[in-house]
Amino acid sequence: MPAHSLFSLSVSAALLLSALPLSAQSAGWKPAEQIKTYAISGNSGGALYQSIGERGPTAGVQAIAHTTFKLTWRRDYRPQPDGACVLATARPNLTIIYTWPKAPANLPPAVAASWKTFISGVETHERVHGEHILDMVKKIEAFSTGLRAENDPKCQKVRAVLQERLGELSNEQRQRGRDFDRDELSPGGRVHQLILALANGP
């Protein structure tokens, strides 16, 4: 599945952790969430950031945080008496997976405060990627339900139409992620400032 790395190490990084929007529940299903961490070391902001560079996930580039997902569907294709095919229902099973660093528990007080600000901002950033993924899945669901193809007794045409739209929505979601990262990581961007504050802090 597609992944979003929040920042290349040379520029900055991000992650997240907060509850997914409840809007998905209105469709009768709820996304699951999985949080993974990797341990870093250091007792200063600069050392923590260096450790992230050494141990962070790789998602095309070395990253501080990473967001990906697992998605499967239960689809009910129904051939019609007139030879058409209708996709009657499409129910997603979505798990959004976040990966970010975990700092030592015994940081000096000033460093701990700086880290708390940094990781909170990174988690907020990553949560936006999670919302992008959820939005994509809801769009897929809306397009799928009731999709009909004429002269399609084996439900092949309707599957082809669906697959084409899936590709479009996936590409749209990836581009949203890239645009968001660019804005957040560019000089003066919110995440860029968080990284500078951590690396140059206590």
N, C-alpha and C. Protein backbone atom coordinates (compact mmCIF):
# COMPACT_ATOMS: atom_id res chain seq x y z
N MET A 1 0.84 -1.19 0.00
CA MET A 1 0.00 0.00 0.00
C MET A 1 0.88 1.25 0.00
N PRO A 2 0.36 2.36 -0.50
CA PRO A 2 1.15 3.57 -0.55
C PRO A 2 1.54 4.03 0.84
N ALA A 3 2.70 4.66 0.93
CA ALA A 3 3.17 5.17 2.21
C ALA A 3 3.45 6.64 2.08
N HIS A 4 3.39 7.33 3.20
CA HIS A 4 3.74 8.74 3.22
C HIS A 4 4.88 8.90 4.20
N SER A 5 6.04 9.36 3.74
CA SER A 5 7.08 9.70 4.67
C SER A 5 6.97 11.18 4.91
N LEU A 6 7.02 11.57 6.14
CA LEU A 6 6.77 12.96 6.44
C LEU A 6 7.86 13.87 6.01
N PHE A 7 9.04 13.49 6.12
CA PHE A 7 10.08 14.40 5.68
C PHE A 7 11.32 13.62 5.40
N SER A 8 12.10 14.14 4.46
CA SER A 8 13.40 13.55 4.32
C SER A 8 14.23 14.11 5.45
N LEU A 9 15.18 13.32 5.93
CA LEU A 9 15.94 13.71 7.10
C LEU A 9 16.67 15.01 6.90
N SER A 10 17.13 15.25 5.70
CA SER A 10 17.89 16.46 5.47
C SER A 10 17.03 17.70 5.62
N VAL A 11 15.74 17.52 5.52
CA VAL A 11 14.86 18.67 5.62
C VAL A 11 14.14 18.69 6.95
N SER A 12 13.42 17.62 7.25
CA SER A 12 12.72 17.52 8.51
C SER A 12 11.96 16.23 8.64
N ALA A 13 11.03 16.14 9.60
CA ALA A 13 10.31 14.90 9.74
C ALA A 13 9.01 15.07 10.47
N ALA A 14 8.14 14.08 10.40
CA ALA A 14 6.90 14.21 11.14
C ALA A 14 6.25 12.90 11.43
N LEU A 15 5.26 12.89 12.29
CA LEU A 15 4.52 11.70 12.66
C LEU A 15 3.17 12.09 13.21
N LEU A 16 2.53 11.24 13.95
CA LEU A 16 1.27 11.62 14.51
C LEU A 16 0.68 10.64 15.46
N LEU A 17 -0.46 11.01 16.02
CA LEU A 17 -1.17 10.14 16.93
C LEU A 17 -2.38 10.82 17.54
N SER A 18 -3.53 10.66 17.02
CA SER A 18 -4.70 11.20 17.67
C SER A 18 -5.87 10.45 17.10
N ALA A 19 -7.06 10.67 17.55
CA ALA A 19 -8.15 9.82 17.11
C ALA A 19 -8.60 10.16 15.70
N LEU A 20 -8.95 9.14 14.96
CA LEU A 20 -9.46 9.37 13.60
C LEU A 20 -10.84 10.01 13.69
N PRO A 21 -11.19 10.79 12.68
CA PRO A 21 -12.50 11.45 12.70
C PRO A 21 -13.63 10.44 12.82
N LEU A 22 -14.68 10.85 13.49
CA LEU A 22 -15.82 9.96 13.67
C LEU A 22 -16.71 9.92 12.44
N SER A 23 -16.40 10.74 11.44
CA SER A 23 -17.26 10.81 10.26
C SER A 23 -17.39 9.48 9.55
N ALA A 24 -16.34 8.63 9.67
CA ALA A 24 -16.40 7.33 9.00
C ALA A 24 -17.49 6.45 9.58
N GLN A 25 -17.85 6.69 10.85
CA GLN A 25 -18.84 5.85 11.48
C GLN A 25 -20.22 6.00 10.82
N SER A 26 -20.45 7.15 10.19
CA SER A 26 -21.75 7.37 9.59
C SER A 26 -22.03 6.40 8.46
N ALA A 27 -20.97 5.82 7.90
CA ALA A 27 -21.14 4.87 6.81
C ALA A 27 -21.32 3.44 7.34
N GLY A 28 -21.34 3.28 8.65
CA GLY A 28 -21.56 1.97 9.24
C GLY A 28 -20.29 1.17 9.47
N TRP A 29 -19.13 1.80 9.33
CA TRP A 29 -17.88 1.12 9.61
C TRP A 29 -16.92 2.13 10.24
N LYS A 30 -15.89 1.60 10.85
CA LYS A 30 -14.94 2.45 11.55
C LYS A 30 -13.53 1.98 11.23
N PRO A 31 -12.63 2.87 10.86
CA PRO A 31 -11.25 2.46 10.57
C PRO A 31 -10.53 2.04 11.85
N ALA A 32 -9.60 1.13 11.70
CA ALA A 32 -8.72 0.75 12.81
C ALA A 32 -7.42 1.53 12.69
N GLU A 33 -6.68 1.55 13.76
CA GLU A 33 -5.43 2.29 13.80
C GLU A 33 -4.34 1.46 14.47
N GLN A 34 -3.16 1.52 13.92
CA GLN A 34 -2.01 0.82 14.49
C GLN A 34 -0.87 1.82 14.62
N ILE A 35 -0.25 1.87 15.79
CA ILE A 35 0.87 2.78 16.02
C ILE A 35 2.12 1.97 16.31
N LYS A 36 3.15 2.23 15.51
CA LYS A 36 4.44 1.59 15.71
C LYS A 36 5.45 2.66 16.12
N THR A 37 6.40 2.29 16.95
CA THR A 37 7.45 3.23 17.34
C THR A 37 8.81 2.59 17.15
N TYR A 38 9.81 3.43 16.99
CA TYR A 38 11.20 2.95 17.00
C TYR A 38 11.97 3.77 18.02
N ALA A 39 12.82 3.11 18.78
CA ALA A 39 13.53 3.75 19.89
C ALA A 39 14.68 4.61 19.38
N ILE A 40 14.81 5.80 19.95
CA ILE A 40 15.95 6.65 19.67
C ILE A 40 16.66 6.95 20.99
N SER A 41 17.87 7.50 20.91
CA SER A 41 18.65 7.79 22.10
C SER A 41 19.17 9.22 22.04
N GLY A 42 19.68 9.68 23.17
CA GLY A 42 20.24 11.03 23.25
C GLY A 42 19.67 11.77 24.44
N ASN A 43 20.41 12.77 24.92
CA ASN A 43 19.91 13.58 26.04
C ASN A 43 19.90 15.06 25.71
N SER A 44 19.93 15.37 24.41
CA SER A 44 19.78 16.74 23.93
C SER A 44 18.95 16.71 22.66
N GLY A 45 18.40 17.86 22.27
CA GLY A 45 17.60 17.90 21.06
C GLY A 45 18.40 17.49 19.84
N GLY A 46 19.63 17.98 19.75
CA GLY A 46 20.48 17.64 18.61
C GLY A 46 20.78 16.15 18.54
N ALA A 47 21.04 15.55 19.70
CA ALA A 47 21.34 14.12 19.74
C ALA A 47 20.11 13.29 19.38
N LEU A 48 18.95 13.72 19.83
CA LEU A 48 17.73 12.99 19.48
C LEU A 48 17.48 13.04 17.98
N TYR A 49 17.68 14.20 17.39
CA TYR A 49 17.46 14.33 15.95
C TYR A 49 18.47 13.50 15.17
N GLN A 50 19.72 13.47 15.65
CA GLN A 50 20.73 12.64 14.99
C GLN A 50 20.35 11.17 15.07
N SER A 51 19.81 10.75 16.21
CA SER A 51 19.40 9.35 16.37
C SER A 51 18.23 9.02 15.44
N ILE A 52 17.34 9.97 15.25
CA ILE A 52 16.26 9.75 14.29
C ILE A 52 16.84 9.49 12.91
N GLY A 53 17.86 10.27 12.54
CA GLY A 53 18.50 10.07 11.25
C GLY A 53 19.12 8.71 11.08
N GLU A 54 19.60 8.15 12.18
CA GLU A 54 20.26 6.84 12.14
C GLU A 54 19.27 5.69 12.18
N ARG A 55 18.11 5.90 12.79
CA ARG A 55 17.20 4.78 13.05
C ARG A 55 15.82 4.92 12.41
N GLY A 56 15.55 6.05 11.79
CA GLY A 56 14.22 6.31 11.26
C GLY A 56 13.86 5.39 10.10
N PRO A 57 12.58 5.30 9.80
CA PRO A 57 12.10 4.43 8.72
C PRO A 57 12.53 4.96 7.36
N THR A 58 12.63 4.06 6.41
CA THR A 58 12.93 4.44 5.03
C THR A 58 11.68 4.24 4.20
N ALA A 59 11.23 5.30 3.55
CA ALA A 59 10.05 5.23 2.69
C ALA A 59 10.38 5.97 1.41
N GLY A 60 11.34 5.42 0.67
CA GLY A 60 11.86 6.11 -0.50
C GLY A 60 13.01 7.01 -0.12
N VAL A 61 12.83 7.73 0.99
CA VAL A 61 13.89 8.55 1.56
C VAL A 61 13.92 8.26 3.06
N GLN A 62 15.03 8.59 3.69
CA GLN A 62 15.10 8.46 5.15
C GLN A 62 14.09 9.42 5.77
N ALA A 63 13.33 8.95 6.72
CA ALA A 63 12.23 9.75 7.25
C ALA A 63 12.22 9.70 8.76
N ILE A 64 11.50 10.65 9.33
CA ILE A 64 11.28 10.68 10.78
C ILE A 64 10.02 9.90 11.12
N ALA A 65 9.01 10.04 10.29
CA ALA A 65 7.73 9.37 10.53
C ALA A 65 7.20 8.80 9.24
N HIS A 66 6.23 7.93 9.38
CA HIS A 66 5.76 7.18 8.22
C HIS A 66 4.29 6.84 8.44
N THR A 67 3.47 7.03 7.41
CA THR A 67 2.05 6.66 7.48
C THR A 67 1.71 5.79 6.28
N THR A 68 1.13 4.65 6.56
CA THR A 68 0.69 3.76 5.49
C THR A 68 -0.63 3.14 5.91
N PHE A 69 -1.13 2.19 5.11
CA PHE A 69 -2.42 1.61 5.45
C PHE A 69 -2.59 0.24 4.81
N LYS A 70 -3.51 -0.53 5.39
CA LYS A 70 -3.96 -1.80 4.82
C LYS A 70 -5.45 -1.65 4.52
N LEU A 71 -5.84 -2.06 3.34
CA LEU A 71 -7.23 -1.89 2.93
C LEU A 71 -7.71 -3.11 2.15
N THR A 72 -8.77 -3.71 2.62
CA THR A 72 -9.44 -4.78 1.88
C THR A 72 -10.93 -4.43 1.79
N TRP A 73 -11.61 -5.11 0.87
CA TRP A 73 -13.02 -4.82 0.63
C TRP A 73 -13.85 -6.11 0.59
N ARG A 74 -15.08 -6.00 1.04
CA ARG A 74 -16.09 -7.02 0.81
C ARG A 74 -17.09 -6.43 -0.18
N ARG A 75 -17.11 -6.97 -1.38
CA ARG A 75 -17.95 -6.42 -2.44
C ARG A 75 -18.99 -7.45 -2.88
N ASP A 76 -20.20 -6.96 -3.11
CA ASP A 76 -21.31 -7.82 -3.51
C ASP A 76 -21.72 -7.45 -4.94
N TYR A 77 -21.18 -8.21 -5.90
CA TYR A 77 -21.53 -8.01 -7.31
C TYR A 77 -22.77 -8.84 -7.63
N ARG A 78 -23.77 -8.21 -8.24
CA ARG A 78 -25.02 -8.91 -8.51
C ARG A 78 -25.40 -8.82 -10.00
N PRO A 79 -25.27 -9.92 -10.74
CA PRO A 79 -25.78 -9.94 -12.13
C PRO A 79 -27.29 -9.70 -12.13
N GLN A 80 -27.76 -8.92 -13.09
CA GLN A 80 -29.16 -8.55 -13.17
C GLN A 80 -29.89 -9.37 -14.25
N PRO A 81 -31.19 -9.50 -14.13
CA PRO A 81 -31.96 -10.25 -15.14
C PRO A 81 -31.82 -9.68 -16.55
N ASP A 82 -31.56 -8.39 -16.67
CA ASP A 82 -31.44 -7.78 -18.00
C ASP A 82 -30.03 -7.87 -18.57
N GLY A 83 -29.10 -8.60 -17.87
CA GLY A 83 -27.74 -8.77 -18.36
C GLY A 83 -26.74 -7.77 -17.82
N ALA A 84 -27.24 -6.79 -17.09
CA ALA A 84 -26.33 -5.83 -16.46
C ALA A 84 -25.71 -6.43 -15.20
N CYS A 85 -24.76 -5.69 -14.61
CA CYS A 85 -24.19 -6.08 -13.32
C CYS A 85 -24.19 -4.85 -12.42
N VAL A 86 -24.57 -5.05 -11.17
CA VAL A 86 -24.59 -3.98 -10.19
C VAL A 86 -23.71 -4.36 -9.00
N LEU A 87 -22.88 -3.44 -8.58
CA LEU A 87 -22.11 -3.61 -7.36
C LEU A 87 -23.00 -3.10 -6.22
N ALA A 88 -23.68 -4.01 -5.57
CA ALA A 88 -24.71 -3.63 -4.61
C ALA A 88 -24.12 -3.00 -3.35
N THR A 89 -23.07 -3.60 -2.81
CA THR A 89 -22.44 -3.06 -1.61
C THR A 89 -20.93 -3.21 -1.72
N ALA A 90 -20.23 -2.30 -1.03
CA ALA A 90 -18.77 -2.36 -0.95
C ALA A 90 -18.39 -1.87 0.45
N ARG A 91 -17.93 -2.79 1.28
CA ARG A 91 -17.62 -2.45 2.67
C ARG A 91 -16.12 -2.56 2.91
N PRO A 92 -15.49 -1.46 3.32
CA PRO A 92 -14.04 -1.47 3.51
C PRO A 92 -13.62 -2.00 4.88
N ASN A 93 -12.42 -2.54 4.92
CA ASN A 93 -11.75 -2.89 6.16
C ASN A 93 -10.41 -2.17 6.14
N LEU A 94 -10.33 -1.05 6.84
CA LEU A 94 -9.20 -0.14 6.75
C LEU A 94 -8.43 -0.08 8.06
N THR A 95 -7.11 -0.24 7.97
CA THR A 95 -6.22 -0.01 9.10
C THR A 95 -5.18 1.02 8.68
N ILE A 96 -5.12 2.12 9.41
CA ILE A 96 -4.11 3.15 9.16
C ILE A 96 -2.96 2.92 10.13
N ILE A 97 -1.75 2.90 9.59
CA ILE A 97 -0.57 2.52 10.37
C ILE A 97 0.39 3.71 10.44
N TYR A 98 0.70 4.13 11.66
CA TYR A 98 1.63 5.24 11.89
C TYR A 98 2.92 4.70 12.53
N THR A 99 4.03 5.24 12.08
CA THR A 99 5.33 4.90 12.68
C THR A 99 6.05 6.20 13.02
N TRP A 100 6.53 6.31 14.27
CA TRP A 100 7.31 7.49 14.65
C TRP A 100 8.27 7.15 15.80
N PRO A 101 9.18 8.07 16.13
CA PRO A 101 10.21 7.76 17.12
C PRO A 101 9.69 7.83 18.55
N LYS A 102 10.37 7.08 19.41
CA LYS A 102 10.07 7.12 20.85
C LYS A 102 11.34 7.50 21.58
N ALA A 103 11.30 8.62 22.27
CA ALA A 103 12.47 9.13 22.98
C ALA A 103 12.66 8.41 24.31
N PRO A 104 13.87 8.46 24.89
CA PRO A 104 14.07 7.88 26.21
C PRO A 104 13.15 8.51 27.25
N ALA A 105 12.85 7.75 28.28
CA ALA A 105 11.92 8.23 29.30
C ALA A 105 12.57 9.19 30.29
N ASN A 106 13.89 9.17 30.39
CA ASN A 106 14.58 9.93 31.45
C ASN A 106 15.30 11.16 30.89
N LEU A 107 14.68 11.87 29.97
CA LEU A 107 15.30 13.07 29.41
C LEU A 107 15.37 14.18 30.46
N PRO A 108 16.38 15.04 30.37
CA PRO A 108 16.40 16.23 31.24
C PRO A 108 15.12 17.03 31.03
N PRO A 109 14.62 17.71 32.06
CA PRO A 109 13.33 18.39 31.97
C PRO A 109 13.19 19.33 30.76
N ALA A 110 14.20 20.14 30.48
CA ALA A 110 14.10 21.08 29.37
C ALA A 110 14.04 20.34 28.03
N VAL A 111 14.81 19.27 27.92
CA VAL A 111 14.81 18.48 26.69
C VAL A 111 13.48 17.75 26.54
N ALA A 112 12.97 17.24 27.65
CA ALA A 112 11.68 16.55 27.61
C ALA A 112 10.57 17.48 27.13
N ALA A 113 10.60 18.73 27.59
CA ALA A 113 9.58 19.69 27.16
C ALA A 113 9.72 19.99 25.67
N SER A 114 10.95 20.14 25.21
CA SER A 114 11.19 20.39 23.79
C SER A 114 10.72 19.20 22.94
N TRP A 115 11.03 18.00 23.40
CA TRP A 115 10.62 16.79 22.67
C TRP A 115 9.10 16.68 22.61
N LYS A 116 8.43 16.99 23.72
CA LYS A 116 6.97 16.90 23.75
C LYS A 116 6.34 17.81 22.69
N THR A 117 6.87 19.01 22.56
CA THR A 117 6.37 19.94 21.54
C THR A 117 6.61 19.38 20.14
N PHE A 118 7.81 18.85 19.94
CA PHE A 118 8.18 18.32 18.62
C PHE A 118 7.29 17.13 18.23
N ILE A 119 7.21 16.13 19.10
CA ILE A 119 6.50 14.91 18.73
C ILE A 119 5.00 15.16 18.61
N SER A 120 4.46 16.10 19.40
CA SER A 120 3.06 16.45 19.27
C SER A 120 2.77 17.05 17.90
N GLY A 121 3.66 17.92 17.43
CA GLY A 121 3.49 18.50 16.11
C GLY A 121 3.62 17.49 15.00
N VAL A 122 4.56 16.56 15.18
CA VAL A 122 4.76 15.52 14.18
C VAL A 122 3.55 14.60 14.11
N GLU A 123 3.02 14.25 15.26
CA GLU A 123 1.83 13.40 15.28
C GLU A 123 0.65 14.10 14.62
N THR A 124 0.49 15.38 14.87
CA THR A 124 -0.58 16.14 14.24
C THR A 124 -0.44 16.12 12.73
N HIS A 125 0.78 16.29 12.26
CA HIS A 125 1.06 16.26 10.83
C HIS A 125 0.66 14.91 10.23
N GLU A 126 1.08 13.86 10.87
CA GLU A 126 0.78 12.53 10.35
C GLU A 126 -0.70 12.23 10.36
N ARG A 127 -1.38 12.75 11.35
CA ARG A 127 -2.82 12.53 11.41
C ARG A 127 -3.53 13.10 10.18
N VAL A 128 -2.99 14.16 9.64
CA VAL A 128 -3.57 14.72 8.43
C VAL A 128 -3.45 13.71 7.29
N HIS A 129 -2.29 13.02 7.19
CA HIS A 129 -2.16 11.97 6.19
C HIS A 129 -3.20 10.88 6.42
N GLY A 130 -3.44 10.55 7.69
CA GLY A 130 -4.47 9.57 7.99
C GLY A 130 -5.84 10.01 7.51
N GLU A 131 -6.15 11.29 7.68
CA GLU A 131 -7.43 11.82 7.21
C GLU A 131 -7.51 11.77 5.69
N HIS A 132 -6.39 12.01 5.01
CA HIS A 132 -6.39 11.91 3.55
C HIS A 132 -6.72 10.47 3.11
N ILE A 133 -6.14 9.50 3.80
CA ILE A 133 -6.40 8.10 3.48
C ILE A 133 -7.88 7.77 3.71
N LEU A 134 -8.40 8.20 4.85
CA LEU A 134 -9.80 7.93 5.17
C LEU A 134 -10.72 8.57 4.13
N ASP A 135 -10.40 9.78 3.72
CA ASP A 135 -11.20 10.47 2.72
C ASP A 135 -11.19 9.70 1.40
N MET A 136 -10.02 9.18 1.01
CA MET A 136 -9.93 8.38 -0.21
C MET A 136 -10.84 7.15 -0.13
N VAL A 137 -10.80 6.46 1.00
CA VAL A 137 -11.60 5.24 1.14
C VAL A 137 -13.09 5.57 1.09
N LYS A 138 -13.49 6.66 1.69
CA LYS A 138 -14.91 7.07 1.65
C LYS A 138 -15.33 7.41 0.23
N LYS A 139 -14.44 8.02 -0.55
CA LYS A 139 -14.76 8.31 -1.95
C LYS A 139 -14.89 7.03 -2.76
N ILE A 140 -14.01 6.05 -2.48
CA ILE A 140 -14.11 4.76 -3.16
C ILE A 140 -15.45 4.10 -2.83
N GLU A 141 -15.81 4.13 -1.57
CA GLU A 141 -17.06 3.52 -1.14
C GLU A 141 -18.26 4.17 -1.84
N ALA A 142 -18.25 5.50 -1.88
CA ALA A 142 -19.37 6.22 -2.51
C ALA A 142 -19.47 5.91 -4.00
N PHE A 143 -18.32 5.81 -4.67
CA PHE A 143 -18.33 5.51 -6.10
C PHE A 143 -18.76 4.07 -6.36
N SER A 144 -18.35 3.17 -5.48
CA SER A 144 -18.60 1.74 -5.68
C SER A 144 -20.06 1.36 -5.52
N THR A 145 -20.68 1.86 -4.47
CA THR A 145 -22.01 1.41 -4.11
C THR A 145 -23.03 1.78 -5.19
N GLY A 146 -23.64 0.76 -5.77
CA GLY A 146 -24.62 0.97 -6.82
C GLY A 146 -24.05 1.10 -8.22
N LEU A 147 -22.73 0.95 -8.35
CA LEU A 147 -22.11 1.05 -9.67
C LEU A 147 -22.70 -0.02 -10.60
N ARG A 148 -23.03 0.39 -11.81
CA ARG A 148 -23.74 -0.50 -12.74
C ARG A 148 -23.07 -0.47 -14.11
N ALA A 149 -23.01 -1.63 -14.75
CA ALA A 149 -22.53 -1.75 -16.12
C ALA A 149 -23.54 -2.56 -16.92
N GLU A 150 -23.91 -2.06 -18.08
CA GLU A 150 -24.86 -2.77 -18.92
C GLU A 150 -24.16 -3.89 -19.70
N ASN A 151 -24.94 -4.89 -20.10
CA ASN A 151 -24.42 -6.01 -20.89
C ASN A 151 -23.15 -6.58 -20.25
N ASP A 152 -23.29 -6.94 -18.99
CA ASP A 152 -22.12 -7.38 -18.21
C ASP A 152 -22.51 -8.57 -17.32
N PRO A 153 -22.94 -9.68 -17.93
CA PRO A 153 -23.46 -10.80 -17.13
C PRO A 153 -22.43 -11.43 -16.20
N LYS A 154 -21.13 -11.31 -16.53
CA LYS A 154 -20.08 -11.88 -15.67
C LYS A 154 -19.43 -10.83 -14.77
N CYS A 155 -19.99 -9.63 -14.76
CA CYS A 155 -19.52 -8.54 -13.90
C CYS A 155 -18.05 -8.18 -14.15
N GLN A 156 -17.63 -8.26 -15.39
CA GLN A 156 -16.27 -7.90 -15.75
C GLN A 156 -16.14 -6.41 -16.06
N LYS A 157 -17.12 -5.86 -16.76
CA LYS A 157 -17.06 -4.44 -17.11
C LYS A 157 -17.11 -3.56 -15.86
N VAL A 158 -17.99 -3.90 -14.94
CA VAL A 158 -18.14 -3.07 -13.76
C VAL A 158 -16.86 -3.12 -12.91
N ARG A 159 -16.18 -4.25 -12.90
CA ARG A 159 -14.90 -4.34 -12.19
C ARG A 159 -13.85 -3.46 -12.84
N ALA A 160 -13.83 -3.44 -14.17
CA ALA A 160 -12.84 -2.63 -14.88
C ALA A 160 -13.07 -1.14 -14.62
N VAL A 161 -14.32 -0.71 -14.63
CA VAL A 161 -14.63 0.69 -14.34
C VAL A 161 -14.19 1.05 -12.92
N LEU A 162 -14.46 0.15 -11.99
CA LEU A 162 -14.07 0.39 -10.61
C LEU A 162 -12.55 0.49 -10.47
N GLN A 163 -11.82 -0.41 -11.09
CA GLN A 163 -10.37 -0.39 -10.97
C GLN A 163 -9.77 0.90 -11.53
N GLU A 164 -10.35 1.38 -12.62
CA GLU A 164 -9.85 2.64 -13.19
C GLU A 164 -10.03 3.79 -12.20
N ARG A 165 -11.20 3.83 -11.57
CA ARG A 165 -11.45 4.90 -10.60
C ARG A 165 -10.58 4.75 -9.36
N LEU A 166 -10.33 3.51 -8.94
CA LEU A 166 -9.44 3.28 -7.80
C LEU A 166 -8.06 3.88 -8.06
N GLY A 167 -7.55 3.68 -9.26
CA GLY A 167 -6.25 4.24 -9.60
C GLY A 167 -6.24 5.75 -9.54
N GLU A 168 -7.31 6.36 -10.02
CA GLU A 168 -7.41 7.83 -9.99
C GLU A 168 -7.44 8.35 -8.57
N LEU A 169 -8.22 7.72 -7.72
CA LEU A 169 -8.33 8.18 -6.34
C LEU A 169 -7.05 7.95 -5.56
N SER A 170 -6.37 6.85 -5.84
CA SER A 170 -5.09 6.58 -5.19
C SER A 170 -4.05 7.64 -5.58
N ASN A 171 -4.00 7.97 -6.85
CA ASN A 171 -3.05 8.99 -7.29
C ASN A 171 -3.38 10.36 -6.68
N GLU A 172 -4.66 10.63 -6.56
CA GLU A 172 -5.09 11.90 -5.95
C GLU A 172 -4.64 11.98 -4.50
N GLN A 173 -4.80 10.87 -3.77
CA GLN A 173 -4.41 10.85 -2.36
C GLN A 173 -2.91 11.01 -2.20
N ARG A 174 -2.12 10.37 -3.05
CA ARG A 174 -0.67 10.50 -2.98
C ARG A 174 -0.23 11.93 -3.25
N GLN A 175 -0.88 12.56 -4.24
CA GLN A 175 -0.50 13.94 -4.56
C GLN A 175 -0.86 14.88 -3.41
N ARG A 176 -1.98 14.66 -2.78
CA ARG A 176 -2.34 15.47 -1.61
C ARG A 176 -1.29 15.35 -0.53
N GLY A 177 -0.79 14.14 -0.32
CA GLY A 177 0.25 13.92 0.68
C GLY A 177 1.54 14.64 0.33
N ARG A 178 1.93 14.56 -0.94
CA ARG A 178 3.16 15.24 -1.37
C ARG A 178 3.03 16.75 -1.22
N ASP A 179 1.89 17.29 -1.61
CA ASP A 179 1.68 18.73 -1.51
C ASP A 179 1.70 19.18 -0.05
N PHE A 180 1.06 18.42 0.80
CA PHE A 180 1.02 18.76 2.23
C PHE A 180 2.42 18.72 2.83
N ASP A 181 3.18 17.68 2.53
CA ASP A 181 4.55 17.59 3.05
C ASP A 181 5.39 18.76 2.57
N ARG A 182 5.24 19.11 1.30
CA ARG A 182 6.03 20.22 0.76
C ARG A 182 5.74 21.51 1.52
N ASP A 183 4.47 21.78 1.78
CA ASP A 183 4.11 22.99 2.49
C ASP A 183 4.64 22.98 3.92
N GLU A 184 4.52 21.86 4.59
CA GLU A 184 4.93 21.77 5.99
C GLU A 184 6.45 21.76 6.17
N LEU A 185 7.17 21.26 5.18
CA LEU A 185 8.62 21.09 5.31
C LEU A 185 9.42 22.19 4.65
N SER A 186 8.77 23.04 3.90
CA SER A 186 9.49 24.13 3.26
C SER A 186 9.96 25.12 4.32
N PRO A 187 10.99 25.92 4.02
CA PRO A 187 11.48 26.91 5.00
C PRO A 187 10.34 27.76 5.54
N GLY A 188 10.24 27.82 6.85
CA GLY A 188 9.16 28.55 7.48
C GLY A 188 7.92 27.73 7.71
N GLY A 189 7.84 26.54 7.13
CA GLY A 189 6.69 25.66 7.33
C GLY A 189 6.62 25.16 8.76
N ARG A 190 5.44 24.68 9.15
CA ARG A 190 5.23 24.31 10.55
C ARG A 190 6.15 23.20 11.02
N VAL A 191 6.30 22.17 10.21
CA VAL A 191 7.15 21.05 10.63
C VAL A 191 8.63 21.44 10.56
N HIS A 192 8.99 22.20 9.56
CA HIS A 192 10.36 22.67 9.45
C HIS A 192 10.75 23.45 10.71
N GLN A 193 9.85 24.26 11.21
CA GLN A 193 10.14 25.02 12.43
C GLN A 193 10.24 24.10 13.64
N LEU A 194 9.42 23.07 13.68
CA LEU A 194 9.51 22.12 14.79
C LEU A 194 10.88 21.43 14.81
N ILE A 195 11.35 21.07 13.63
CA ILE A 195 12.63 20.38 13.55
C ILE A 195 13.77 21.29 13.98
N LEU A 196 13.74 22.52 13.50
CA LEU A 196 14.78 23.47 13.89
C LEU A 196 14.77 23.70 15.40
N ALA A 197 13.59 23.81 15.98
CA ALA A 197 13.49 24.04 17.42
C ALA A 197 14.06 22.86 18.19
N LEU A 198 13.80 21.64 17.73
CA LEU A 198 14.35 20.46 18.42
C LEU A 198 15.85 20.39 18.26
N ALA A 199 16.33 20.47 17.03
CA ALA A 199 17.75 20.29 16.76
C ALA A 199 18.61 21.38 17.40
N ASN A 200 18.08 22.58 17.50
CA ASN A 200 18.85 23.71 18.06
C ASN A 200 18.52 23.99 19.51
N GLY A 201 17.66 23.17 20.08
CA GLY A 201 17.20 23.42 21.44
C GLY A 201 18.12 22.81 22.49
N PRO A 202 17.60 22.66 23.70
CA PRO A 202 18.42 22.14 24.81
C PRO A 202 18.86 20.71 24.60
